[in-house]
């Protein structure tokens, strides 16, 4: 079965998604659109990639089965609600929505409409994450008890020409990049029970360094350095640091510590990378990497959702997990700002691991 697909949002991530979706042969792209009025940048992308450009209204009125949303987080809720009300399945870039309440509305509407709802990140489909999952599930390193995770950089105002949205509700270091780390941890360890930690905004203004807006300042609405203690339902305790305030550090992206050994993980914002494990105090050994998806395959979650629609099985980038991760991030910020442990009200099932063969 070939699904008719519409795409809203044609920014930096669009080409990577398009490569994956066209390679899959599961989709016929009926049109691309901007989130706002008119066809503007969609027309330029349409010419570049020989695709039909149309307004968002026209795309919602089209015969598309699925709409993919690649817009900034603040618009995910409004676009998703319109898509679901139009009777179409919806898949969005991360996070599911700018707030947990908005995410709840999307999930509730999808359930009422009997439609699929999915959300990135999907990098846990990659060779590295699936190798880690096999190590965790294999049990040779014992139950995972603890872990550390670090996303720390100096913020997109250093490299992005229009970084305003990174410092607004729905973004910041945790929701923009920490979401990859948290999604991977839920994939490996299961749902989070409660969170605690600290959060603060180091600078209330940032100066844009590159592009036509270089030298201009932007207001910061969100915490930019967040340290979160994640207590997982299965018993593991992991400390996740998410920051836009660090120039350089030497921490690995993530490590997990079990009763019988440790696992060192690569950047969860990528599909590939080297996974290493050590039994007890033995040497680090590179794990077997003979799995698919080592390159930038953004959109695998949507491919999997389409295949799940065909077979009637659950998809791995599920609404349930996306909402749980969104709540965990929002509660982490509340806990960090208020100094009190925050229990989660949602839970989710760990996604099924991938077979070591391509989708």
C-alpha atoms as a PDB file:
ATOM      1  CA  UNK A   1       0.000   0.000   0.000  1.00  0.00           C
ATOM      2  CA  UNK A   2       1.229   3.498  -0.870  1.00  0.00           C
ATOM      3  CA  UNK A   3       0.099   6.307   1.457  1.00  0.00           C
ATOM      4  CA  UNK A   4      -0.681   9.788   0.237  1.00  0.00           C
ATOM      5  CA  UNK A   5       1.456  12.157   2.293  1.00  0.00           C
ATOM      6  CA  UNK A   6       1.354  15.901   2.862  1.00  0.00           C
ATOM      7  CA  UNK A   7       4.205  17.793   4.531  1.00  0.00           C
ATOM      8  CA  UNK A   8       3.878  21.027   6.509  1.00  0.00           C
ATOM      9  CA  UNK A   9       7.152  22.875   7.123  1.00  0.00           C
ATOM     10  CA  UNK A  10      10.071  22.969   4.697  1.00  0.00           C
ATOM     11  CA  UNK A  11      12.988  24.137   6.863  1.00  0.00           C
ATOM     12  CA  UNK A  12      16.424  22.682   7.595  1.00  0.00           C
ATOM     13  CA  UNK A  13      15.217  19.178   8.492  1.00  0.00           C
ATOM     14  CA  UNK A  14      13.034  18.797   5.373  1.00  0.00           C
ATOM     15  CA  UNK A  15      15.709  17.348   3.003  1.00  0.00           C
ATOM     16  CA  UNK A  16      16.714  14.604   5.465  1.00  0.00           C
ATOM     17  CA  UNK A  17      13.102  13.509   5.928  1.00  0.00           C
ATOM     18  CA  UNK A  18      12.471  13.601   2.200  1.00  0.00           C
ATOM     19  CA  UNK A  19      15.432  11.310   1.442  1.00  0.00           C
ATOM     20  CA  UNK A  20      14.194   8.690   3.907  1.00  0.00           C
ATOM     21  CA  UNK A  21      10.559   8.856   2.810  1.00  0.00           C
ATOM     22  CA  UNK A  22      11.347   8.653  -0.905  1.00  0.00           C
ATOM     23  CA  UNK A  23      13.719   5.761  -0.288  1.00  0.00           C
ATOM     24  CA  UNK A  24      10.988   3.813   1.539  1.00  0.00           C
ATOM     25  CA  UNK A  25       8.620   3.700  -1.485  1.00  0.00           C
ATOM     26  CA  UNK A  26       5.670   3.850   0.934  1.00  0.00           C
ATOM     27  CA  UNK A  27       4.591   7.409   0.179  1.00  0.00           C
ATOM     28  CA  UNK A  28       3.255   9.504  -2.633  1.00  0.00           C
ATOM     29  CA  UNK A  29       3.798  13.143  -1.647  1.00  0.00           C
ATOM     30  CA  UNK A  30       0.683  15.016  -2.695  1.00  0.00           C
ATOM     31  CA  UNK A  31       1.882  18.431  -1.551  1.00  0.00           C
ATOM     32  CA  UNK A  32       4.077  20.536   0.714  1.00  0.00           C
ATOM     33  CA  UNK A  33       2.973  23.633   2.586  1.00  0.00           C
ATOM     34  CA  UNK A  34       4.038  26.361   5.003  1.00  0.00           C
ATOM     35  CA  UNK A  35       2.425  26.615   8.413  1.00  0.00           C
ATOM     36  CA  UNK A  36       1.358  30.196   7.694  1.00  0.00           C
ATOM     37  CA  UNK A  37      -0.663  31.769   4.873  1.00  0.00           C
ATOM     38  CA  UNK A  38       0.461  31.502   1.258  1.00  0.00           C
ATOM     39  CA  UNK A  39       3.007  29.112  -0.195  1.00  0.00           C
ATOM     40  CA  UNK A  40       6.210  31.234   0.136  1.00  0.00           C
ATOM     41  CA  UNK A  41       9.166  28.999   1.004  1.00  0.00           C
ATOM     42  CA  UNK A  42       7.140  25.895   0.114  1.00  0.00           C
ATOM     43  CA  UNK A  43       7.120  27.123  -3.482  1.00  0.00           C
ATOM     44  CA  UNK A  44      10.925  27.323  -3.484  1.00  0.00           C
ATOM     45  CA  UNK A  45      11.257  23.829  -2.048  1.00  0.00           C
ATOM     46  CA  UNK A  46       8.648  22.567  -4.501  1.00  0.00           C
ATOM     47  CA  UNK A  47      10.682  23.836  -7.415  1.00  0.00           C
ATOM     48  CA  UNK A  48      13.894  22.423  -5.952  1.00  0.00           C
ATOM     49  CA  UNK A  49      12.459  18.944  -5.393  1.00  0.00           C
ATOM     50  CA  UNK A  50       9.763  18.892  -8.099  1.00  0.00           C
ATOM     51  CA  UNK A  51       6.894  18.575  -5.657  1.00  0.00           C
ATOM     52  CA  UNK A  52       3.474  20.280  -5.592  1.00  0.00           C
ATOM     53  CA  UNK A  53       3.271  23.365  -3.358  1.00  0.00           C
ATOM     54  CA  UNK A  54      -0.032  24.375  -1.823  1.00  0.00           C
ATOM     55  CA  UNK A  55      -1.469  26.291   1.099  1.00  0.00           C
ATOM     56  CA  UNK A  56      -2.048  24.549   4.418  1.00  0.00           C
ATOM     57  CA  UNK A  57      -5.797  24.828   3.843  1.00  0.00           C
ATOM     58  CA  UNK A  58      -5.505  23.125   0.470  1.00  0.00           C
ATOM     59  CA  UNK A  59      -3.328  20.381   1.941  1.00  0.00           C
ATOM     60  CA  UNK A  60      -5.889  19.706   4.668  1.00  0.00           C
ATOM     61  CA  UNK A  61      -8.595  19.515   2.006  1.00  0.00           C
ATOM     62  CA  UNK A  62      -6.514  17.181  -0.165  1.00  0.00           C
ATOM     63  CA  UNK A  63      -6.738  13.400  -0.320  1.00  0.00           C
ATOM     64  CA  UNK A  64      -3.624  12.976   1.838  1.00  0.00           C
ATOM     65  CA  UNK A  65      -3.843  10.052   4.278  1.00  0.00           C
ATOM     66  CA  UNK A  66      -1.063  11.314   6.566  1.00  0.00           C
ATOM     67  CA  UNK A  67       0.296  14.767   7.338  1.00  0.00           C
ATOM     68  CA  UNK A  68       3.901  15.197   8.461  1.00  0.00           C
ATOM     69  CA  UNK A  69       4.644  18.348  10.495  1.00  0.00           C
ATOM     70  CA  UNK A  70       8.188  19.767  10.401  1.00  0.00           C
ATOM     71  CA  UNK A  71       7.455  23.176  11.904  1.00  0.00           C
ATOM     72  CA  UNK A  72       8.813  24.694  15.167  1.00  0.00           C
ATOM     73  CA  UNK A  73       7.260  23.281  18.373  1.00  0.00           C
ATOM     74  CA  UNK A  74       4.923  26.173  19.128  1.00  0.00           C
ATOM     75  CA  UNK A  75       2.788  25.314  16.096  1.00  0.00           C
ATOM     76  CA  UNK A  76       2.634  21.511  16.539  1.00  0.00           C
ATOM     77  CA  UNK A  77      -0.565  21.607  18.578  1.00  0.00           C
ATOM     78  CA  UNK A  78      -2.531  23.936  16.313  1.00  0.00           C
ATOM     79  CA  UNK A  79      -1.507  22.101  13.140  1.00  0.00           C
ATOM     80  CA  UNK A  80      -2.032  18.679  14.704  1.00  0.00           C
ATOM     81  CA  UNK A  81      -5.528  19.538  15.889  1.00  0.00           C
ATOM     82  CA  UNK A  82      -6.488  20.717  12.400  1.00  0.00           C
ATOM     83  CA  UNK A  83      -4.990  17.612  10.790  1.00  0.00           C
ATOM     84  CA  UNK A  84      -6.800  15.220  13.136  1.00  0.00           C
ATOM     85  CA  UNK A  85     -10.073  17.132  12.788  1.00  0.00           C
ATOM     86  CA  UNK A  86      -9.659  16.738   9.018  1.00  0.00           C
ATOM     87  CA  UNK A  87      -9.583  12.951   9.508  1.00  0.00           C
ATOM     88  CA  UNK A  88      -5.902  12.434   8.665  1.00  0.00           C
ATOM     89  CA  UNK A  89      -3.169  10.621  10.558  1.00  0.00           C
ATOM     90  CA  UNK A  90      -0.563  12.965  12.057  1.00  0.00           C
ATOM     91  CA  UNK A  91       3.185  12.612  12.600  1.00  0.00           C
ATOM     92  CA  UNK A  92       5.278  15.491  13.913  1.00  0.00           C
ATOM     93  CA  UNK A  93       8.841  16.494  14.582  1.00  0.00           C
ATOM     94  CA  UNK A  94       9.825  16.554  18.241  1.00  0.00           C
ATOM     95  CA  UNK A  95       8.493  17.350  20.745  1.00  0.00           C
ATOM     96  CA  UNK A  96       4.878  16.247  20.410  1.00  0.00           C
ATOM     97  CA  UNK A  97       3.716  19.721  21.485  1.00  0.00           C
ATOM     98  CA  UNK A  98       5.023  22.784  23.310  1.00  0.00           C
ATOM     99  CA  UNK A  99       3.268  21.817  26.560  1.00  0.00           C
ATOM    100  CA  UNK A 100       2.010  18.646  28.201  1.00  0.00           C
ATOM    101  CA  UNK A 101      -1.580  19.973  28.200  1.00  0.00           C
ATOM    102  CA  UNK A 102      -1.395  20.500  24.442  1.00  0.00           C
ATOM    103  CA  UNK A 103       0.008  17.000  24.022  1.00  0.00           C
ATOM    104  CA  UNK A 104      -2.882  15.572  26.015  1.00  0.00           C
ATOM    105  CA  UNK A 105      -5.369  17.315  23.713  1.00  0.00           C
ATOM    106  CA  UNK A 106      -3.695  15.869  20.623  1.00  0.00           C
ATOM    107  CA  UNK A 107      -3.648  12.339  22.042  1.00  0.00           C
ATOM    108  CA  UNK A 108      -7.279  12.558  23.162  1.00  0.00           C
ATOM    109  CA  UNK A 109      -8.449  13.816  19.772  1.00  0.00           C
ATOM    110  CA  UNK A 110      -6.513  11.127  17.891  1.00  0.00           C
ATOM    111  CA  UNK A 111      -8.134   8.475  20.074  1.00  0.00           C
ATOM    112  CA  UNK A 112     -11.630   9.896  19.500  1.00  0.00           C
ATOM    113  CA  UNK A 113     -11.039  10.062  15.761  1.00  0.00           C
ATOM    114  CA  UNK A 114      -9.511   6.579  15.568  1.00  0.00           C
ATOM    115  CA  UNK A 115      -6.374   8.011  13.948  1.00  0.00           C
ATOM    116  CA  UNK A 116      -2.670   7.369  14.341  1.00  0.00           C
ATOM    117  CA  UNK A 117      -0.539   9.991  16.072  1.00  0.00           C
ATOM    118  CA  UNK A 118       3.240   9.761  16.149  1.00  0.00           C
ATOM    119  CA  UNK A 119       6.183  11.952  17.022  1.00  0.00           C
ATOM    120  CA  UNK A 120       9.943  12.086  16.623  1.00  0.00           C
ATOM    121  CA  UNK A 121      12.601  11.584  17.783  1.00  0.00           C
ATOM    122  CA  UNK A 122      13.154   8.326  15.956  1.00  0.00           C
ATOM    123  CA  UNK A 123      16.936   8.063  16.328  1.00  0.00           C
ATOM    124  CA  UNK A 124      16.405   5.106  18.675  1.00  0.00           C
ATOM    125  CA  UNK A 125      15.678   3.080  15.511  1.00  0.00           C
ATOM    126  CA  UNK A 126      19.369   3.507  14.683  1.00  0.00           C
ATOM    127  CA  UNK A 127      22.106   0.900  14.909  1.00  0.00           C
ATOM    128  CA  UNK A 128      23.615   2.380  18.080  1.00  0.00           C
ATOM    129  CA  UNK A 129      20.427   2.497  20.156  1.00  0.00           C
ATOM    130  CA  UNK A 130      19.317  -0.948  19.014  1.00  0.00           C
ATOM    131  CA  UNK A 131      22.721  -2.337  19.998  1.00  0.00           C
ATOM    132  CA  UNK A 132      22.326  -0.792  23.456  1.00  0.00           C
ATOM    133  CA  UNK A 133      18.808  -2.186  23.748  1.00  0.00           C
ATOM    134  CA  UNK A 134      20.123  -5.683  22.982  1.00  0.00           C
ATOM    135  CA  UNK A 135      22.789  -5.303  25.678  1.00  0.00           C
ATOM    136  CA  UNK A 136      20.235  -4.134  28.241  1.00  0.00           C
ATOM    137  CA  UNK A 137      17.716  -6.843  27.373  1.00  0.00           C
ATOM    138  CA  UNK A 138      20.415  -9.519  27.188  1.00  0.00           C
ATOM    139  CA  UNK A 139      21.146  -9.059  30.874  1.00  0.00           C
ATOM    140  CA  UNK A 140      24.876  -9.826  30.702  1.00  0.00           C
ATOM    141  CA  UNK A 141      25.640  -6.537  32.477  1.00  0.00           C
ATOM    142  CA  UNK A 142      22.954  -7.140  35.084  1.00  0.00           C
ATOM    143  CA  UNK A 143      20.025  -4.875  35.916  1.00  0.00           C
ATOM    144  CA  UNK A 144      20.714  -1.221  35.092  1.00  0.00           C
ATOM    145  CA  UNK A 145      20.839   0.699  38.362  1.00  0.00           C
ATOM    146  CA  UNK A 146      22.280   4.104  37.477  1.00  0.00           C
ATOM    147  CA  UNK A 147      23.327   6.290  34.583  1.00  0.00           C
ATOM    148  CA  UNK A 148      24.510   9.701  33.455  1.00  0.00           C
ATOM    149  CA  UNK A 149      23.616  11.685  30.342  1.00  0.00           C
ATOM    150  CA  UNK A 150      24.988  15.001  29.115  1.00  0.00           C
ATOM    151  CA  UNK A 151      23.818  17.358  26.427  1.00  0.00           C
ATOM    152  CA  UNK A 152      25.829  20.535  26.913  1.00  0.00           C
ATOM    153  CA  UNK A 153      26.630  23.170  24.287  1.00  0.00           C
ATOM    154  CA  UNK A 154      26.694  26.948  24.029  1.00  0.00           C
ATOM    155  CA  UNK A 155      23.333  27.328  22.357  1.00  0.00           C
ATOM    156  CA  UNK A 156      22.033  27.820  18.812  1.00  0.00           C
ATOM    157  CA  UNK A 157      22.534  31.593  18.977  1.00  0.00           C
ATOM    158  CA  UNK A 158      26.140  30.736  18.066  1.00  0.00           C
ATOM    159  CA  UNK A 159      25.301  29.034  14.752  1.00  0.00           C
ATOM    160  CA  UNK A 160      21.625  29.475  13.795  1.00  0.00           C
ATOM    161  CA  UNK A 161      20.604  32.628  11.846  1.00  0.00           C
ATOM    162  CA  UNK A 162      17.113  32.689  13.438  1.00  0.00           C
ATOM    163  CA  UNK A 163      17.491  31.096  16.885  1.00  0.00           C
ATOM    164  CA  UNK A 164      14.601  32.857  18.648  1.00  0.00           C
ATOM    165  CA  UNK A 165      12.337  29.782  18.840  1.00  0.00           C
ATOM    166  CA  UNK A 166      15.043  27.770  20.645  1.00  0.00           C
ATOM    167  CA  UNK A 167      14.596  30.057  23.653  1.00  0.00           C
ATOM    168  CA  UNK A 168      10.800  30.062  23.724  1.00  0.00           C
ATOM    169  CA  UNK A 169       8.202  27.736  25.253  1.00  0.00           C
ATOM    170  CA  UNK A 170       8.445  24.291  23.687  1.00  0.00           C
ATOM    171  CA  UNK A 171      12.201  24.492  23.207  1.00  0.00           C
ATOM    172  CA  UNK A 172      15.237  25.204  25.383  1.00  0.00           C
ATOM    173  CA  UNK A 173      18.011  22.627  25.816  1.00  0.00           C
ATOM    174  CA  UNK A 174      15.801  19.939  27.346  1.00  0.00           C
ATOM    175  CA  UNK A 175      12.871  20.005  24.911  1.00  0.00           C
ATOM    176  CA  UNK A 176      15.036  20.723  21.868  1.00  0.00           C
ATOM    177  CA  UNK A 177      17.898  18.235  22.337  1.00  0.00           C
ATOM    178  CA  UNK A 178      17.443  16.574  25.724  1.00  0.00           C
ATOM    179  CA  UNK A 179      14.320  14.995  24.225  1.00  0.00           C
ATOM    180  CA  UNK A 180      16.614  12.645  22.244  1.00  0.00           C
ATOM    181  CA  UNK A 181      18.368  11.552  25.429  1.00  0.00           C
ATOM    182  CA  UNK A 182      15.166  11.053  27.378  1.00  0.00           C
ATOM    183  CA  UNK A 183      13.475   9.149  24.549  1.00  0.00           C
ATOM    184  CA  UNK A 184      16.477   6.830  24.289  1.00  0.00           C
ATOM    185  CA  UNK A 185      16.442   6.265  28.046  1.00  0.00           C
ATOM    186  CA  UNK A 186      12.728   5.380  27.996  1.00  0.00           C
ATOM    187  CA  UNK A 187      13.387   3.048  25.057  1.00  0.00           C
ATOM    188  CA  UNK A 188      16.172   1.315  26.987  1.00  0.00           C
ATOM    189  CA  UNK A 189      14.800   1.397  30.547  1.00  0.00           C
ATOM    190  CA  UNK A 190      11.041   1.942  30.377  1.00  0.00           C
ATOM    191  CA  UNK A 191       8.878   4.738  31.796  1.00  0.00           C
ATOM    192  CA  UNK A 192       9.854   7.385  34.338  1.00  0.00           C
ATOM    193  CA  UNK A 193       8.118   7.408  37.738  1.00  0.00           C
ATOM    194  CA  UNK A 194       9.218  10.797  39.093  1.00  0.00           C
ATOM    195  CA  UNK A 195      11.765  13.563  38.563  1.00  0.00           C
ATOM    196  CA  UNK A 196      13.684  16.090  40.654  1.00  0.00           C
ATOM    197  CA  UNK A 197      16.555  18.466  40.060  1.00  0.00           C
ATOM    198  CA  UNK A 198      17.542  22.069  39.412  1.00  0.00           C
ATOM    199  CA  UNK A 199      16.904  24.518  36.580  1.00  0.00           C
ATOM    200  CA  UNK A 200      17.860  28.104  35.927  1.00  0.00           C
ATOM    201  CA  UNK A 201      18.289  30.681  33.170  1.00  0.00           C
ATOM    202  CA  UNK A 202      21.915  31.765  33.089  1.00  0.00           C
ATOM    203  CA  UNK A 203      21.382  34.757  30.761  1.00  0.00           C
ATOM    204  CA  UNK A 204      18.016  36.419  30.168  1.00  0.00           C
ATOM    205  CA  UNK A 205      19.241  37.743  26.792  1.00  0.00           C
ATOM    206  CA  UNK A 206      21.350  36.095  24.097  1.00  0.00           C
ATOM    207  CA  UNK A 207      23.172  37.726  21.202  1.00  0.00           C
ATOM    208  CA  UNK A 208      22.841  36.241  17.704  1.00  0.00           C
ATOM    209  CA  UNK A 209      26.297  35.529  16.264  1.00  0.00           C
ATOM    210  CA  UNK A 210      25.689  34.740  12.582  1.00  0.00           C
ATOM    211  CA  UNK A 211      23.482  35.583   9.612  1.00  0.00           C
ATOM    212  CA  UNK A 212      21.474  38.691   8.786  1.00  0.00           C
ATOM    213  CA  UNK A 213      20.451  39.131  12.439  1.00  0.00           C
ATOM    214  CA  UNK A 214      24.013  38.984  13.807  1.00  0.00           C
ATOM    215  CA  UNK A 215      24.450  41.360  16.734  1.00  0.00           C
ATOM    216  CA  UNK A 216      20.765  41.468  17.638  1.00  0.00           C
ATOM    217  CA  UNK A 217      19.644  40.250  21.054  1.00  0.00           C
ATOM    218  CA  UNK A 218      16.783  37.910  21.861  1.00  0.00           C
ATOM    219  CA  UNK A 219      14.872  37.342  25.080  1.00  0.00           C
ATOM    220  CA  UNK A 220      15.197  33.981  26.833  1.00  0.00           C
ATOM    221  CA  UNK A 221      11.900  32.540  28.136  1.00  0.00           C
ATOM    222  CA  UNK A 222      13.079  29.107  29.299  1.00  0.00           C
ATOM    223  CA  UNK A 223      15.696  27.602  31.645  1.00  0.00           C
ATOM    224  CA  UNK A 224      19.005  27.096  29.847  1.00  0.00           C
ATOM    225  CA  UNK A 225      20.781  24.798  32.332  1.00  0.00           C
ATOM    226  CA  UNK A 226      18.722  21.900  33.717  1.00  0.00           C
ATOM    227  CA  UNK A 227      19.996  19.016  35.846  1.00  0.00           C
ATOM    228  CA  UNK A 228      17.365  16.290  36.229  1.00  0.00           C
ATOM    229  CA  UNK A 229      17.317  13.190  38.404  1.00  0.00           C
ATOM    230  CA  UNK A 230      15.179  10.647  36.573  1.00  0.00           C
ATOM    231  CA  UNK A 231      13.720   7.843  38.695  1.00  0.00           C
ATOM    232  CA  UNK A 232      12.518   5.063  36.385  1.00  0.00           C
ATOM    233  CA  UNK A 233       9.669   2.738  37.288  1.00  0.00           C
ATOM    234  CA  UNK A 234      12.015  -0.210  36.911  1.00  0.00           C
ATOM    235  CA  UNK A 235      14.337   1.160  39.577  1.00  0.00           C
ATOM    236  CA  UNK A 236      17.118   2.854  37.595  1.00  0.00           C
ATOM    237  CA  UNK A 237      18.272   6.342  38.591  1.00  0.00           C
ATOM    238  CA  UNK A 238      19.787   8.524  35.841  1.00  0.00           C
ATOM    239  CA  UNK A 239      21.074  12.110  35.989  1.00  0.00           C
ATOM    240  CA  UNK A 240      20.469  14.078  32.770  1.00  0.00           C
ATOM    241  CA  UNK A 241      22.125  17.491  32.274  1.00  0.00           C
ATOM    242  CA  UNK A 242      20.759  19.666  29.449  1.00  0.00           C
ATOM    243  CA  UNK A 243      22.468  23.008  28.843  1.00  0.00           C
ATOM    244  CA  UNK A 244      22.878  25.856  26.369  1.00  0.00           C
ATOM    245  CA  UNK A 245      25.499  27.447  28.660  1.00  0.00           C
ATOM    246  CA  UNK A 246      28.616  25.275  28.234  1.00  0.00           C
ATOM    247  CA  UNK A 247      31.390  25.929  25.722  1.00  0.00           C
ATOM    248  CA  UNK A 248      33.185  22.594  26.043  1.00  0.00           C
ATOM    249  CA  UNK A 249      33.133  19.448  28.167  1.00  0.00           C
ATOM    250  CA  UNK A 250      34.628  15.961  28.262  1.00  0.00           C
ATOM    251  CA  UNK A 251      31.677  13.829  29.338  1.00  0.00           C
ATOM    252  CA  UNK A 252      30.430  10.996  27.098  1.00  0.00           C
ATOM    253  CA  UNK A 253      26.861  11.566  25.874  1.00  0.00           C
ATOM    254  CA  UNK A 254      25.486   8.761  28.022  1.00  0.00           C
ATOM    255  CA  UNK A 255      26.561   5.875  30.240  1.00  0.00           C
ATOM    256  CA  UNK A 256      24.499   3.166  31.928  1.00  0.00           C
ATOM    257  CA  UNK A 257      25.730   1.245  34.970  1.00  0.00           C
ATOM    258  CA  UNK A 258      24.531  -2.263  35.785  1.00  0.00           C
ATOM    259  CA  UNK A 259      25.264  -4.741  38.557  1.00  0.00           C
ATOM    260  CA  UNK A 260      27.741  -6.598  36.344  1.00  0.00           C
ATOM    261  CA  UNK A 261      29.142  -3.880  34.092  1.00  0.00           C
ATOM    262  CA  UNK A 262      28.673  -0.647  32.172  1.00  0.00           C
ATOM    263  CA  UNK A 263      27.609   0.602  28.745  1.00  0.00           C
ATOM    264  CA  UNK A 264      28.897   3.721  26.999  1.00  0.00           C
ATOM    265  CA  UNK A 265      26.529   5.228  24.411  1.00  0.00           C
ATOM    266  CA  UNK A 266      27.152   7.637  21.523  1.00  0.00           C
ATOM    267  CA  UNK A 267      25.196  10.828  20.773  1.00  0.00           C
ATOM    268  CA  UNK A 268      21.471   9.935  20.799  1.00  0.00           C
ATOM    269  CA  UNK A 269      20.838  12.723  18.281  1.00  0.00           C
ATOM    270  CA  UNK A 270      22.454  10.415  15.722  1.00  0.00           C
ATOM    271  CA  UNK A 271      21.528   6.994  14.386  1.00  0.00           C
ATOM    272  CA  UNK A 272      25.015   5.486  14.409  1.00  0.00           C
ATOM    273  CA  UNK A 273      28.110   5.662  16.572  1.00  0.00           C
ATOM    274  CA  UNK A 274      30.245   3.377  18.676  1.00  0.00           C
ATOM    275  CA  UNK A 275      28.716   1.472  21.590  1.00  0.00           C
ATOM    276  CA  UNK A 276      31.133   0.075  24.166  1.00  0.00           C
ATOM    277  CA  UNK A 277      30.572  -2.162  27.156  1.00  0.00           C
ATOM    278  CA  UNK A 278      32.711  -3.369  30.034  1.00  0.00           C
ATOM    279  CA  UNK A 279      32.126  -6.360  32.289  1.00  0.00           C
ATOM    280  CA  UNK A 280      32.841  -5.436  35.897  1.00  0.00           C
ATOM    281  CA  UNK A 281      36.170  -3.542  35.925  1.00  0.00           C
ATOM    282  CA  UNK A 282      37.373  -5.055  32.651  1.00  0.00           C
ATOM    283  CA  UNK A 283      38.329  -3.114  29.520  1.00  0.00           C
ATOM    284  CA  UNK A 284      35.861  -1.295  27.304  1.00  0.00           C
ATOM    285  CA  UNK A 285      34.963  -3.514  24.340  1.00  0.00           C
ATOM    286  CA  UNK A 286      33.253  -2.269  21.193  1.00  0.00           C
ATOM    287  CA  UNK A 287      29.846  -3.888  20.787  1.00  0.00           C
ATOM    288  CA  UNK A 288      28.816  -5.657  17.604  1.00  0.00           C
ATOM    289  CA  UNK A 289      27.510  -2.990  15.226  1.00  0.00           C
ATOM    290  CA  UNK A 290      26.022  -5.168  12.474  1.00  0.00           C
ATOM    291  CA  UNK A 291      22.660  -3.411  12.416  1.00  0.00           C
ATOM    292  CA  UNK A 292      20.978  -1.122   9.899  1.00  0.00           C
ATOM    293  CA  UNK A 293      20.589   2.656  10.071  1.00  0.00           C
ATOM    294  CA  UNK A 294      23.918   4.276  10.846  1.00  0.00           C
ATOM    295  CA  UNK A 295      23.361   7.428   8.754  1.00  0.00           C
ATOM    296  CA  UNK A 296      20.900  10.315   9.076  1.00  0.00           C
ATOM    297  CA  UNK A 297      17.564   8.515   8.504  1.00  0.00           C
ATOM    298  CA  UNK A 298      15.105  11.099   9.881  1.00  0.00           C
ATOM    299  CA  UNK A 299      11.596   9.883   9.184  1.00  0.00           C
ATOM    300  CA  UNK A 300      12.024   6.210  10.088  1.00  0.00           C
ATOM    301  CA  UNK A 301       9.362   6.705  12.745  1.00  0.00           C
ATOM    302  CA  UNK A 302       6.893   7.743  10.055  1.00  0.00           C
ATOM    303  CA  UNK A 303       7.919   4.770   7.881  1.00  0.00           C
ATOM    304  CA  UNK A 304       7.270   2.503  10.858  1.00  0.00           C
ATOM    305  CA  UNK A 305       3.895   4.171  11.487  1.00  0.00           C
ATOM    306  CA  UNK A 306       2.887   3.507   7.874  1.00  0.00           C
ATOM    307  CA  UNK A 307       3.936  -0.144   8.148  1.00  0.00           C
ATOM    308  CA  UNK A 308       2.049  -0.401  11.457  1.00  0.00           C
ATOM    309  CA  UNK A 309      -1.049   0.992   9.773  1.00  0.00           C
ATOM    310  CA  UNK A 310      -0.769  -1.720   7.117  1.00  0.00           C
ATOM    311  CA  UNK A 311      -0.442  -4.568   9.609  1.00  0.00           C
ATOM    312  CA  UNK A 312      -2.508  -3.196  12.504  1.00  0.00           C
ATOM    313  CA  UNK A 313       0.369  -3.439  14.990  1.00  0.00           C
ATOM    314  CA  UNK A 314       1.531  -0.689  17.398  1.00  0.00           C
ATOM    315  CA  UNK A 315       4.074   1.789  16.062  1.00  0.00           C
ATOM    316  CA  UNK A 316       7.310   2.415  17.940  1.00  0.00           C
ATOM    317  CA  UNK A 317       7.186   6.233  17.853  1.00  0.00           C
ATOM    318  CA  UNK A 318       3.878   6.096  19.663  1.00  0.00           C
ATOM    319  CA  UNK A 319       1.665   8.877  20.957  1.00  0.00           C
ATOM    320  CA  UNK A 320       1.829   7.186  24.357  1.00  0.00           C
ATOM    321  CA  UNK A 321       5.629   7.432  24.572  1.00  0.00           C
ATOM    322  CA  UNK A 322       5.795  10.926  23.065  1.00  0.00           C
ATOM    323  CA  UNK A 323       3.286  12.209  25.634  1.00  0.00           C
ATOM    324  CA  UNK A 324       5.138  10.484  28.488  1.00  0.00           C
ATOM    325  CA  UNK A 325       8.468  12.015  27.428  1.00  0.00           C
ATOM    326  CA  UNK A 326       6.814  15.419  27.057  1.00  0.00           C
ATOM    327  CA  UNK A 327       5.381  15.187  30.570  1.00  0.00           C
ATOM    328  CA  UNK A 328       8.751  14.073  31.960  1.00  0.00           C
ATOM    329  CA  UNK A 329      10.453  17.105  30.420  1.00  0.00           C
ATOM    330  CA  UNK A 330       7.825  19.554  31.626  1.00  0.00           C
ATOM    331  CA  UNK A 331       7.825  18.049  35.125  1.00  0.00           C
ATOM    332  CA  UNK A 332      11.643  18.183  35.153  1.00  0.00           C
ATOM    333  CA  UNK A 333      11.546  21.941  34.569  1.00  0.00           C
ATOM    334  CA  UNK A 334       8.834  22.416  37.215  1.00  0.00           C
ATOM    335  CA  UNK A 335      10.869  20.324  39.669  1.00  0.00           C
ATOM    336  CA  UNK A 336      14.043  22.214  38.828  1.00  0.00           C
ATOM    337  CA  UNK A 337      12.477  25.631  39.306  1.00  0.00           C
ATOM    338  CA  UNK A 338      10.470  24.728  42.402  1.00  0.00           C
ATOM    339  CA  UNK A 339      12.824  22.370  44.191  1.00  0.00           C
ATOM    340  CA  UNK A 340      10.237  19.632  44.730  1.00  0.00           C
ATOM    341  CA  UNK A 341      10.046  16.090  43.341  1.00  0.00           C
ATOM    342  CA  UNK A 342       7.413  15.750  40.639  1.00  0.00           C
ATOM    343  CA  UNK A 343       5.596  12.432  40.053  1.00  0.00           C
ATOM    344  CA  UNK A 344       4.474  11.617  36.514  1.00  0.00           C
ATOM    345  CA  UNK A 345       0.830  10.940  35.740  1.00  0.00           C
ATOM    346  CA  UNK A 346       1.497   9.072  32.483  1.00  0.00           C
ATOM    347  CA  UNK A 347       3.338   5.899  31.637  1.00  0.00           C
ATOM    348  CA  UNK A 348       4.166   4.012  28.451  1.00  0.00           C
ATOM    349  CA  UNK A 349       5.277   0.679  27.091  1.00  0.00           C
ATOM    350  CA  UNK A 350       8.824   0.330  25.833  1.00  0.00           C
ATOM    351  CA  UNK A 351       8.827   0.214  22.029  1.00  0.00           C
ATOM    352  CA  UNK A 352       9.484  -3.196  20.549  1.00  0.00           C
ATOM    353  CA  UNK A 353      13.128  -3.611  19.494  1.00  0.00           C
ATOM    354  CA  UNK A 354      13.849  -3.734  15.786  1.00  0.00           C
ATOM    355  CA  UNK A 355      14.892  -6.913  14.053  1.00  0.00           C
ATOM    356  CA  UNK A 356      18.484  -6.609  12.785  1.00  0.00           C
ATOM    357  CA  UNK A 357      17.062  -6.186   9.281  1.00  0.00           C
ATOM    358  CA  UNK A 358      15.786  -2.958   7.691  1.00  0.00           C
ATOM    359  CA  UNK A 359      12.141  -1.959   7.973  1.00  0.00           C
END
